[in-house]
Amino acid sequence: MTIDTTNMCSHLQRKLFAPDGVYYPIWQAMQAADEITAVVRSRQLHIYRNGKKILILAGKAQPKIIRQDPITDLLR
């Protein structure tokens, strides 16, 4: 999976892509699941499984869980 990081918040980039980042386990799970897609909107990362939004990740704000999913369990 590739994500256009042009408009992604720099804090979010560090949290998501750095091996010691808080969201790095989510990034790894996204790589392993074919049914997961992601789009950058308003500097946040919106994550979808099978076309349904499950999670919004922001750089400085808390993640917003839209619906329960195995990937959202990685935030705990």
N, C-alpha and C. Protein backbone atom coordinates (compact mmCIF):
# COMPACT_ATOMS: atom_id res chain seq x y z
N MET A 1 0.85 -1.17 0.00
CA MET A 1 0.00 0.00 0.00
C MET A 1 0.89 1.23 0.00
N THR A 2 0.54 2.18 -0.83
CA THR A 2 1.25 3.45 -0.84
C THR A 2 0.26 4.56 -0.51
N ILE A 3 0.73 5.56 0.19
CA ILE A 3 -0.10 6.69 0.59
C ILE A 3 0.61 7.96 0.15
N ASP A 4 -0.16 8.86 -0.46
CA ASP A 4 0.39 10.16 -0.84
C ASP A 4 0.50 11.00 0.43
N THR A 5 1.71 11.23 0.88
CA THR A 5 1.92 11.95 2.14
C THR A 5 2.09 13.45 1.95
N THR A 6 1.82 13.94 0.75
CA THR A 6 2.01 15.36 0.46
C THR A 6 1.26 16.26 1.44
N ASN A 7 0.01 15.93 1.73
CA ASN A 7 -0.81 16.77 2.61
C ASN A 7 -1.00 16.17 4.00
N MET A 8 -0.15 15.20 4.37
CA MET A 8 -0.27 14.56 5.67
C MET A 8 0.52 15.35 6.71
N CYS A 9 -0.04 15.51 7.88
CA CYS A 9 0.60 16.20 8.99
C CYS A 9 1.94 15.53 9.31
N SER A 10 2.97 16.33 9.54
CA SER A 10 4.30 15.77 9.81
C SER A 10 4.32 14.96 11.11
N HIS A 11 3.54 15.36 12.09
CA HIS A 11 3.46 14.59 13.34
C HIS A 11 2.89 13.21 13.06
N LEU A 12 1.86 13.16 12.22
CA LEU A 12 1.24 11.89 11.87
C LEU A 12 2.22 11.02 11.09
N GLN A 13 2.98 11.60 10.20
CA GLN A 13 3.97 10.84 9.44
C GLN A 13 4.95 10.15 10.37
N ARG A 14 5.44 10.89 11.37
CA ARG A 14 6.39 10.30 12.32
C ARG A 14 5.73 9.18 13.12
N LYS A 15 4.51 9.40 13.59
CA LYS A 15 3.82 8.39 14.40
C LYS A 15 3.50 7.14 13.59
N LEU A 16 3.25 7.29 12.31
CA LEU A 16 2.82 6.18 11.47
C LEU A 16 3.98 5.41 10.85
N PHE A 17 4.99 6.10 10.36
CA PHE A 17 6.04 5.46 9.59
C PHE A 17 7.32 5.15 10.36
N ALA A 18 7.57 5.82 11.47
CA ALA A 18 8.78 5.56 12.26
C ALA A 18 8.60 4.25 13.05
N PRO A 19 9.59 3.38 13.05
CA PRO A 19 9.46 2.10 13.76
C PRO A 19 9.12 2.24 15.24
N ASP A 20 9.47 3.37 15.85
CA ASP A 20 9.12 3.57 17.26
C ASP A 20 7.84 4.41 17.42
N GLY A 21 7.14 4.68 16.32
CA GLY A 21 5.93 5.50 16.36
C GLY A 21 4.74 4.77 16.98
N VAL A 22 3.85 5.53 17.56
CA VAL A 22 2.66 5.01 18.22
C VAL A 22 1.77 4.24 17.24
N TYR A 23 1.65 4.73 16.00
CA TYR A 23 0.76 4.11 15.01
C TYR A 23 1.47 3.12 14.10
N TYR A 24 2.74 2.87 14.33
CA TYR A 24 3.49 1.95 13.46
C TYR A 24 2.87 0.56 13.38
N PRO A 25 2.36 -0.01 14.48
CA PRO A 25 1.69 -1.33 14.35
C PRO A 25 0.47 -1.28 13.42
N ILE A 26 -0.20 -0.15 13.38
CA ILE A 26 -1.34 0.00 12.46
C ILE A 26 -0.83 0.02 11.03
N TRP A 27 0.27 0.71 10.77
CA TRP A 27 0.85 0.75 9.43
C TRP A 27 1.23 -0.66 8.97
N GLN A 28 1.80 -1.46 9.86
CA GLN A 28 2.17 -2.82 9.52
C GLN A 28 0.93 -3.66 9.22
N ALA A 29 -0.13 -3.49 10.01
CA ALA A 29 -1.37 -4.23 9.78
C ALA A 29 -2.01 -3.82 8.45
N MET A 30 -1.90 -2.55 8.11
CA MET A 30 -2.45 -2.07 6.84
C MET A 30 -1.71 -2.70 5.67
N GLN A 31 -0.42 -2.92 5.81
CA GLN A 31 0.38 -3.53 4.74
C GLN A 31 -0.02 -4.98 4.51
N ALA A 32 -0.45 -5.65 5.57
CA ALA A 32 -0.76 -7.08 5.48
C ALA A 32 -2.19 -7.36 5.02
N ALA A 33 -3.08 -6.37 5.07
CA ALA A 33 -4.49 -6.60 4.76
C ALA A 33 -4.84 -5.97 3.41
N ASP A 34 -5.26 -6.79 2.47
CA ASP A 34 -5.61 -6.30 1.14
C ASP A 34 -6.91 -5.49 1.12
N GLU A 35 -7.80 -5.75 2.07
CA GLU A 35 -9.10 -5.09 2.07
C GLU A 35 -9.07 -3.71 2.73
N ILE A 36 -7.90 -3.27 3.20
CA ILE A 36 -7.78 -1.97 3.85
C ILE A 36 -7.26 -0.95 2.84
N THR A 37 -7.92 0.20 2.81
CA THR A 37 -7.47 1.34 1.99
C THR A 37 -7.36 2.56 2.90
N ALA A 38 -6.62 3.55 2.46
CA ALA A 38 -6.45 4.76 3.26
C ALA A 38 -6.32 5.97 2.35
N VAL A 39 -6.84 7.10 2.84
CA VAL A 39 -6.82 8.35 2.08
C VAL A 39 -6.46 9.48 3.05
N VAL A 40 -5.61 10.40 2.60
CA VAL A 40 -5.28 11.58 3.40
C VAL A 40 -6.29 12.67 3.08
N ARG A 41 -6.96 13.16 4.12
CA ARG A 41 -7.91 14.26 4.00
C ARG A 41 -7.68 15.21 5.16
N SER A 42 -7.56 16.47 4.87
CA SER A 42 -7.38 17.50 5.91
C SER A 42 -6.23 17.15 6.85
N ARG A 43 -5.12 16.68 6.27
CA ARG A 43 -3.90 16.35 7.00
C ARG A 43 -4.05 15.13 7.91
N GLN A 44 -5.20 14.45 7.86
CA GLN A 44 -5.46 13.25 8.66
C GLN A 44 -5.52 12.04 7.74
N LEU A 45 -5.35 10.86 8.33
CA LEU A 45 -5.41 9.62 7.57
C LEU A 45 -6.73 8.91 7.88
N HIS A 46 -7.56 8.75 6.86
CA HIS A 46 -8.84 8.06 6.99
C HIS A 46 -8.64 6.63 6.49
N ILE A 47 -8.93 5.66 7.34
CA ILE A 47 -8.69 4.25 7.03
C ILE A 47 -10.02 3.54 6.84
N TYR A 48 -10.09 2.74 5.77
CA TYR A 48 -11.31 2.03 5.39
C TYR A 48 -11.03 0.54 5.28
N ARG A 49 -12.01 -0.27 5.66
CA ARG A 49 -11.96 -1.71 5.40
C ARG A 49 -13.21 -2.06 4.60
N ASN A 50 -12.99 -2.66 3.44
CA ASN A 50 -14.09 -3.01 2.54
C ASN A 50 -15.01 -1.83 2.25
N GLY A 51 -14.43 -0.64 2.09
CA GLY A 51 -15.19 0.55 1.73
C GLY A 51 -15.88 1.25 2.88
N LYS A 52 -15.78 0.74 4.10
CA LYS A 52 -16.42 1.37 5.27
C LYS A 52 -15.34 1.97 6.16
N LYS A 53 -15.54 3.23 6.52
CA LYS A 53 -14.55 3.92 7.35
C LYS A 53 -14.51 3.29 8.74
N ILE A 54 -13.29 3.03 9.21
CA ILE A 54 -13.14 2.43 10.53
C ILE A 54 -12.35 3.31 11.50
N LEU A 55 -11.49 4.20 10.97
CA LEU A 55 -10.58 4.92 11.85
C LEU A 55 -10.07 6.18 11.18
N ILE A 56 -9.88 7.23 11.99
CA ILE A 56 -9.24 8.46 11.53
C ILE A 56 -8.06 8.74 12.45
N LEU A 57 -6.87 8.86 11.85
CA LEU A 57 -5.66 9.15 12.61
C LEU A 57 -5.24 10.58 12.34
N ALA A 58 -4.92 11.30 13.40
CA ALA A 58 -4.44 12.67 13.28
C ALA A 58 -3.08 12.76 13.96
N GLY A 59 -2.34 13.81 13.66
CA GLY A 59 -1.01 13.96 14.21
C GLY A 59 -0.99 14.29 15.69
N LYS A 60 -1.73 15.33 16.09
CA LYS A 60 -1.71 15.76 17.48
C LYS A 60 -2.98 15.38 18.23
N ALA A 61 -4.09 15.20 17.54
CA ALA A 61 -5.35 14.85 18.19
C ALA A 61 -5.42 13.34 18.43
N GLN A 62 -6.34 12.94 19.28
CA GLN A 62 -6.55 11.52 19.56
C GLN A 62 -7.15 10.85 18.33
N PRO A 63 -6.86 9.56 18.13
CA PRO A 63 -7.48 8.84 17.00
C PRO A 63 -8.99 8.74 17.22
N LYS A 64 -9.73 8.78 16.13
CA LYS A 64 -11.18 8.68 16.21
C LYS A 64 -11.60 7.33 15.63
N ILE A 65 -12.13 6.48 16.49
CA ILE A 65 -12.59 5.16 16.07
C ILE A 65 -14.03 5.29 15.59
N ILE A 66 -14.25 4.95 14.33
CA ILE A 66 -15.59 5.05 13.74
C ILE A 66 -16.37 3.78 14.00
N ARG A 67 -15.74 2.64 13.80
CA ARG A 67 -16.37 1.34 14.09
C ARG A 67 -15.31 0.37 14.56
N GLN A 68 -15.74 -0.56 15.41
CA GLN A 68 -14.81 -1.55 15.95
C GLN A 68 -14.27 -2.43 14.83
N ASP A 69 -12.98 -2.71 14.91
CA ASP A 69 -12.28 -3.46 13.89
C ASP A 69 -11.01 -4.02 14.52
N PRO A 70 -10.49 -5.12 14.04
CA PRO A 70 -9.24 -5.64 14.62
C PRO A 70 -8.09 -4.61 14.59
N ILE A 71 -8.08 -3.74 13.60
CA ILE A 71 -7.00 -2.74 13.52
C ILE A 71 -7.14 -1.68 14.62
N THR A 72 -8.37 -1.40 15.06
CA THR A 72 -8.56 -0.41 16.12
C THR A 72 -8.09 -0.95 17.47
N ASP A 73 -8.05 -2.27 17.61
CA ASP A 73 -7.56 -2.87 18.85
C ASP A 73 -6.07 -2.61 19.06
N LEU A 74 -5.35 -2.28 17.99
CA LEU A 74 -3.92 -2.00 18.08
C LEU A 74 -3.64 -0.67 18.77
N LEU A 75 -4.67 0.16 18.95
CA LEU A 75 -4.49 1.45 19.61
C LEU A 75 -4.41 1.32 21.12
N ARG A 76 -4.76 0.21 21.65
CA ARG A 76 -4.79 0.05 23.11
C ARG A 76 -3.53 -0.52 23.65
